[in-house]
Amino acid sequence: MSKQFLAYMIAIPLLLFGCYSPLSHFTDNMYQGEQQLKQGQYSTALASFLKANTYHPSSGAHAFAAMAAYKMNDIPLADSYLVQATQGQTPNRVVTCIIYGYRSLVRFSQGNVPAGRDELTAYIAAYRNVVPGSPTLREVESMTMAPQVDTFVLQKLIDQQIQQLPIDYDQM
């Protein structure tokens, strides 16, 4: 075998794997993180979202990291990621829904009911903008006026609605 042929055999795979862009790594990690969230592997999902953010800093990665932290019952960490999600680049409409939805959950969990209701109202408006006519939105709207908000039920509704959003990792 010639040295030149051997060099080509080594160079071609390196070029192919080297062309795997940071955005591709971001997308892969975001997808893996979302699947891990669905499977209840919250700490693994959090790690995937944070890894995605190293390849492509994104408000979307921070918003999903906040979801994972919230599900781990780490409310201060979830709040921190939500703050990071709103800093820097402007989040797109889908990410804005996630931010408002989880900020409302965080505020309610912190015992700040007025702020939780405000965030929930903003979530409803943002969600209606992206998914007009959602039948589950009425249930969320009724919670804004309820004397007591059941955060467990609210989280299930928000998660269900987030799954209906047109999530495009390339646009985060």
C-alpha atoms as a PDB file:
ATOM      1  CA  MET A   1       0.000   0.000   0.000  1.00  0.00           C
ATOM      2  CA  SER A   2       1.419   3.371  -0.922  1.00  0.00           C
ATOM      3  CA  LYS A   3       1.947   6.098   1.653  1.00  0.00           C
ATOM      4  CA  GLN A   4      -0.181   8.486  -0.389  1.00  0.00           C
ATOM      5  CA  PHE A   5      -3.145   6.072  -0.435  1.00  0.00           C
ATOM      6  CA  LEU A   6      -2.803   5.518   3.320  1.00  0.00           C
ATOM      7  CA  ALA A   7      -2.748   9.278   3.877  1.00  0.00           C
ATOM      8  CA  TYR A   8      -6.004   9.614   1.900  1.00  0.00           C
ATOM      9  CA  MET A   9      -7.600   6.801   3.881  1.00  0.00           C
ATOM     10  CA  ILE A  10      -6.814   8.671   7.110  1.00  0.00           C
ATOM     11  CA  ALA A  11      -7.616  12.162   5.827  1.00  0.00           C
ATOM     12  CA  ILE A  12     -11.064  11.463   4.379  1.00  0.00           C
ATOM     13  CA  PRO A  13     -12.726  10.343   7.651  1.00  0.00           C
ATOM     14  CA  LEU A  14     -11.033  13.194   9.495  1.00  0.00           C
ATOM     15  CA  LEU A  15     -12.439  15.681   7.016  1.00  0.00           C
ATOM     16  CA  LEU A  16     -15.899  14.167   7.175  1.00  0.00           C
ATOM     17  CA  PHE A  17     -16.024  14.130  10.961  1.00  0.00           C
ATOM     18  CA  GLY A  18     -14.317  17.497  11.190  1.00  0.00           C
ATOM     19  CA  CYS A  19     -17.068  19.045   9.069  1.00  0.00           C
ATOM     20  CA  TYR A  20     -19.646  18.276  11.709  1.00  0.00           C
ATOM     21  CA  SER A  21     -20.563  21.845  12.619  1.00  0.00           C
ATOM     22  CA  PRO A  22     -21.122  23.335  16.078  1.00  0.00           C
ATOM     23  CA  LEU A  23     -24.764  23.857  15.100  1.00  0.00           C
ATOM     24  CA  SER A  24     -25.065  20.124  14.398  1.00  0.00           C
ATOM     25  CA  HIS A  25     -23.634  19.347  17.831  1.00  0.00           C
ATOM     26  CA  PHE A  26     -26.055  21.869  19.332  1.00  0.00           C
ATOM     27  CA  THR A  27     -29.040  20.289  17.573  1.00  0.00           C
ATOM     28  CA  ASP A  28     -28.010  16.759  18.559  1.00  0.00           C
ATOM     29  CA  ASN A  29     -27.587  17.695  22.213  1.00  0.00           C
ATOM     30  CA  MET A  30     -30.869  19.615  22.314  1.00  0.00           C
ATOM     31  CA  TYR A  31     -32.705  16.648  20.801  1.00  0.00           C
ATOM     32  CA  GLN A  32     -31.058  14.226  23.241  1.00  0.00           C
ATOM     33  CA  GLY A  33     -31.885  16.526  26.138  1.00  0.00           C
ATOM     34  CA  GLU A  34     -35.521  16.756  25.113  1.00  0.00           C
ATOM     35  CA  GLN A  35     -35.769  12.969  24.874  1.00  0.00           C
ATOM     36  CA  GLN A  36     -34.130  12.630  28.295  1.00  0.00           C
ATOM     37  CA  LEU A  37     -36.632  15.119  29.732  1.00  0.00           C
ATOM     38  CA  LYS A  38     -39.499  13.030  28.389  1.00  0.00           C
ATOM     39  CA  GLN A  39     -37.964   9.934  29.994  1.00  0.00           C
ATOM     40  CA  GLY A  40     -37.607  11.639  33.378  1.00  0.00           C
ATOM     41  CA  GLN A  41     -33.792  11.750  33.224  1.00  0.00           C
ATOM     42  CA  TYR A  42     -33.643  15.351  34.369  1.00  0.00           C
ATOM     43  CA  SER A  43     -30.004  15.669  35.431  1.00  0.00           C
ATOM     44  CA  THR A  44     -28.840  14.008  32.200  1.00  0.00           C
ATOM     45  CA  ALA A  45     -31.136  16.295  30.217  1.00  0.00           C
ATOM     46  CA  LEU A  46     -29.735  19.331  32.022  1.00  0.00           C
ATOM     47  CA  ALA A  47     -26.203  18.245  31.107  1.00  0.00           C
ATOM     48  CA  SER A  48     -27.242  17.821  27.453  1.00  0.00           C
ATOM     49  CA  PHE A  49     -28.777  21.299  27.299  1.00  0.00           C
ATOM     50  CA  LEU A  50     -25.714  22.861  28.890  1.00  0.00           C
ATOM     51  CA  LYS A  51     -23.448  20.975  26.490  1.00  0.00           C
ATOM     52  CA  ALA A  52     -25.575  22.203  23.573  1.00  0.00           C
ATOM     53  CA  ASN A  53     -25.112  25.736  24.841  1.00  0.00           C
ATOM     54  CA  THR A  54     -21.317  25.363  24.657  1.00  0.00           C
ATOM     55  CA  TYR A  55     -21.589  24.663  20.919  1.00  0.00           C
ATOM     56  CA  HIS A  56     -24.070  27.436  20.212  1.00  0.00           C
ATOM     57  CA  PRO A  57     -24.954  29.847  23.043  1.00  0.00           C
ATOM     58  CA  SER A  58     -28.720  30.071  22.990  1.00  0.00           C
ATOM     59  CA  SER A  59     -31.694  31.320  24.944  1.00  0.00           C
ATOM     60  CA  GLY A  60     -33.385  28.051  23.950  1.00  0.00           C
ATOM     61  CA  ALA A  61     -30.715  25.907  25.608  1.00  0.00           C
ATOM     62  CA  HIS A  62     -31.065  27.961  28.798  1.00  0.00           C
ATOM     63  CA  ALA A  63     -34.873  27.733  28.718  1.00  0.00           C
ATOM     64  CA  PHE A  64     -34.727  23.951  28.381  1.00  0.00           C
ATOM     65  CA  ALA A  65     -32.066  23.807  31.117  1.00  0.00           C
ATOM     66  CA  ALA A  66     -34.509  25.718  33.337  1.00  0.00           C
ATOM     67  CA  MET A  67     -37.188  23.111  32.625  1.00  0.00           C
ATOM     68  CA  ALA A  68     -34.825  20.316  33.668  1.00  0.00           C
ATOM     69  CA  ALA A  69     -33.720  22.171  36.812  1.00  0.00           C
ATOM     70  CA  TYR A  70     -37.339  22.865  37.758  1.00  0.00           C
ATOM     71  CA  LYS A  71     -38.220  19.196  37.334  1.00  0.00           C
ATOM     72  CA  MET A  72     -35.274  18.385  39.628  1.00  0.00           C
ATOM     73  CA  ASN A  73     -36.951  20.723  42.131  1.00  0.00           C
ATOM     74  CA  ASP A  74     -33.975  23.081  42.023  1.00  0.00           C
ATOM     75  CA  ILE A  75     -36.010  26.281  41.854  1.00  0.00           C
ATOM     76  CA  PRO A  76     -33.079  28.728  42.303  1.00  0.00           C
ATOM     77  CA  LEU A  77     -31.149  27.019  39.501  1.00  0.00           C
ATOM     78  CA  ALA A  78     -34.230  27.049  37.237  1.00  0.00           C
ATOM     79  CA  ASP A  79     -34.665  30.759  37.964  1.00  0.00           C
ATOM     80  CA  SER A  80     -31.001  31.383  37.141  1.00  0.00           C
ATOM     81  CA  TYR A  81     -31.297  29.658  33.761  1.00  0.00           C
ATOM     82  CA  LEU A  82     -34.458  31.614  32.974  1.00  0.00           C
ATOM     83  CA  VAL A  83     -32.598  34.864  33.665  1.00  0.00           C
ATOM     84  CA  GLN A  84     -29.809  33.708  31.337  1.00  0.00           C
ATOM     85  CA  ALA A  85     -32.384  32.773  28.690  1.00  0.00           C
ATOM     86  CA  THR A  86     -33.616  36.369  28.585  1.00  0.00           C
ATOM     87  CA  GLN A  87     -30.162  37.944  28.449  1.00  0.00           C
ATOM     88  CA  GLY A  88     -28.090  38.301  25.321  1.00  0.00           C
ATOM     89  CA  GLN A  89     -29.924  37.332  22.173  1.00  0.00           C
ATOM     90  CA  THR A  90     -33.655  37.863  21.915  1.00  0.00           C
ATOM     91  CA  PRO A  91     -35.488  34.551  22.268  1.00  0.00           C
ATOM     92  CA  ASN A  92     -37.775  33.499  19.445  1.00  0.00           C
ATOM     93  CA  ARG A  93     -41.535  33.138  20.000  1.00  0.00           C
ATOM     94  CA  VAL A  94     -41.375  29.448  20.930  1.00  0.00           C
ATOM     95  CA  VAL A  95     -38.600  29.978  23.471  1.00  0.00           C
ATOM     96  CA  THR A  96     -40.490  32.969  24.861  1.00  0.00           C
ATOM     97  CA  CYS A  97     -43.429  30.657  25.612  1.00  0.00           C
ATOM     98  CA  ILE A  98     -41.156  28.265  27.507  1.00  0.00           C
ATOM     99  CA  ILE A  99     -39.577  31.123  29.449  1.00  0.00           C
ATOM    100  CA  TYR A 100     -42.912  32.640  30.522  1.00  0.00           C
ATOM    101  CA  GLY A 101     -44.432  29.257  31.338  1.00  0.00           C
ATOM    102  CA  TYR A 102     -41.564  28.172  33.538  1.00  0.00           C
ATOM    103  CA  ARG A 103     -41.101  31.611  35.084  1.00  0.00           C
ATOM    104  CA  SER A 104     -44.708  31.394  36.250  1.00  0.00           C
ATOM    105  CA  LEU A 105     -44.036  27.973  37.787  1.00  0.00           C
ATOM    106  CA  VAL A 106     -40.876  29.269  39.461  1.00  0.00           C
ATOM    107  CA  ARG A 107     -42.667  32.333  40.873  1.00  0.00           C
ATOM    108  CA  PHE A 108     -45.510  30.205  42.251  1.00  0.00           C
ATOM    109  CA  SER A 109     -42.966  27.797  43.758  1.00  0.00           C
ATOM    110  CA  GLN A 110     -41.211  30.744  45.398  1.00  0.00           C
ATOM    111  CA  GLY A 111     -44.517  31.803  46.934  1.00  0.00           C
ATOM    112  CA  ASN A 112     -44.746  34.951  44.813  1.00  0.00           C
ATOM    113  CA  VAL A 113     -48.334  34.450  43.628  1.00  0.00           C
ATOM    114  CA  PRO A 114     -48.843  37.925  42.058  1.00  0.00           C
ATOM    115  CA  ALA A 115     -45.671  37.567  39.965  1.00  0.00           C
ATOM    116  CA  GLY A 116     -46.665  33.993  39.092  1.00  0.00           C
ATOM    117  CA  ARG A 117     -50.029  35.221  37.806  1.00  0.00           C
ATOM    118  CA  ASP A 118     -48.341  37.993  35.814  1.00  0.00           C
ATOM    119  CA  GLU A 119     -45.943  35.525  34.188  1.00  0.00           C
ATOM    120  CA  LEU A 120     -48.828  33.137  33.515  1.00  0.00           C
ATOM    121  CA  THR A 121     -50.779  35.924  31.804  1.00  0.00           C
ATOM    122  CA  ALA A 122     -47.712  36.696  29.659  1.00  0.00           C
ATOM    123  CA  TYR A 123     -47.369  32.967  28.894  1.00  0.00           C
ATOM    124  CA  ILE A 124     -50.988  32.773  27.724  1.00  0.00           C
ATOM    125  CA  ALA A 125     -50.511  35.744  25.382  1.00  0.00           C
ATOM    126  CA  ALA A 126     -47.232  34.376  24.005  1.00  0.00           C
ATOM    127  CA  TYR A 127     -48.656  30.875  23.561  1.00  0.00           C
ATOM    128  CA  ARG A 128     -51.782  32.192  21.855  1.00  0.00           C
ATOM    129  CA  ASN A 129     -49.490  34.009  19.418  1.00  0.00           C
ATOM    130  CA  VAL A 130     -47.762  30.761  18.432  1.00  0.00           C
ATOM    131  CA  VAL A 131     -50.651  28.266  18.734  1.00  0.00           C
ATOM    132  CA  PRO A 132     -53.929  30.158  18.278  1.00  0.00           C
ATOM    133  CA  GLY A 133     -57.065  28.333  19.366  1.00  0.00           C
ATOM    134  CA  SER A 134     -55.366  25.807  21.641  1.00  0.00           C
ATOM    135  CA  PRO A 135     -58.112  23.964  23.567  1.00  0.00           C
ATOM    136  CA  THR A 136     -55.921  23.508  26.664  1.00  0.00           C
ATOM    137  CA  LEU A 137     -55.281  27.240  26.959  1.00  0.00           C
ATOM    138  CA  ARG A 138     -58.662  27.765  28.621  1.00  0.00           C
ATOM    139  CA  GLU A 139     -57.613  25.537  31.505  1.00  0.00           C
ATOM    140  CA  VAL A 140     -54.496  27.632  32.009  1.00  0.00           C
ATOM    141  CA  GLU A 141     -56.522  30.851  31.754  1.00  0.00           C
ATOM    142  CA  SER A 142     -58.845  29.668  34.509  1.00  0.00           C
ATOM    143  CA  MET A 143     -55.834  29.090  36.762  1.00  0.00           C
ATOM    144  CA  THR A 144     -54.857  32.758  36.523  1.00  0.00           C
ATOM    145  CA  MET A 145     -58.114  33.613  38.272  1.00  0.00           C
ATOM    146  CA  ALA A 146     -58.323  30.675  40.670  1.00  0.00           C
ATOM    147  CA  PRO A 147     -57.843  31.510  44.359  1.00  0.00           C
ATOM    148  CA  GLN A 148     -55.167  28.799  44.609  1.00  0.00           C
ATOM    149  CA  VAL A 149     -52.953  27.580  41.773  1.00  0.00           C
ATOM    150  CA  ASP A 150     -52.110  23.881  41.675  1.00  0.00           C
ATOM    151  CA  THR A 151     -48.540  24.046  40.324  1.00  0.00           C
ATOM    152  CA  PHE A 152     -48.460  20.297  39.687  1.00  0.00           C
ATOM    153  CA  VAL A 153     -51.479  20.519  37.355  1.00  0.00           C
ATOM    154  CA  LEU A 154     -50.183  23.762  35.847  1.00  0.00           C
ATOM    155  CA  GLN A 155     -46.815  22.186  35.096  1.00  0.00           C
ATOM    156  CA  LYS A 156     -48.482  19.238  33.365  1.00  0.00           C
ATOM    157  CA  LEU A 157     -50.566  21.616  31.237  1.00  0.00           C
ATOM    158  CA  ILE A 158     -47.594  23.797  30.330  1.00  0.00           C
ATOM    159  CA  ASP A 159     -45.469  20.745  29.480  1.00  0.00           C
ATOM    160  CA  GLN A 160     -48.281  19.370  27.330  1.00  0.00           C
ATOM    161  CA  GLN A 161     -48.547  22.698  25.523  1.00  0.00           C
ATOM    162  CA  ILE A 162     -44.780  22.982  25.051  1.00  0.00           C
ATOM    163  CA  GLN A 163     -44.841  19.609  23.292  1.00  0.00           C
ATOM    164  CA  GLN A 164     -47.320  21.111  20.807  1.00  0.00           C
ATOM    165  CA  LEU A 165     -45.012  24.019  19.955  1.00  0.00           C
ATOM    166  CA  PRO A 166     -43.195  23.999  16.599  1.00  0.00           C
ATOM    167  CA  ILE A 167     -39.731  23.579  18.097  1.00  0.00           C
ATOM    168  CA  ASP A 168     -36.908  24.095  15.614  1.00  0.00           C
ATOM    169  CA  TYR A 169     -33.509  23.807  17.274  1.00  0.00           C
ATOM    170  CA  ASP A 170     -31.819  25.584  14.352  1.00  0.00           C
ATOM    171  CA  GLN A 171     -33.862  28.705  15.167  1.00  0.00           C
ATOM    172  CA  MET A 172     -33.062  28.888  18.868  1.00  0.00           C
END
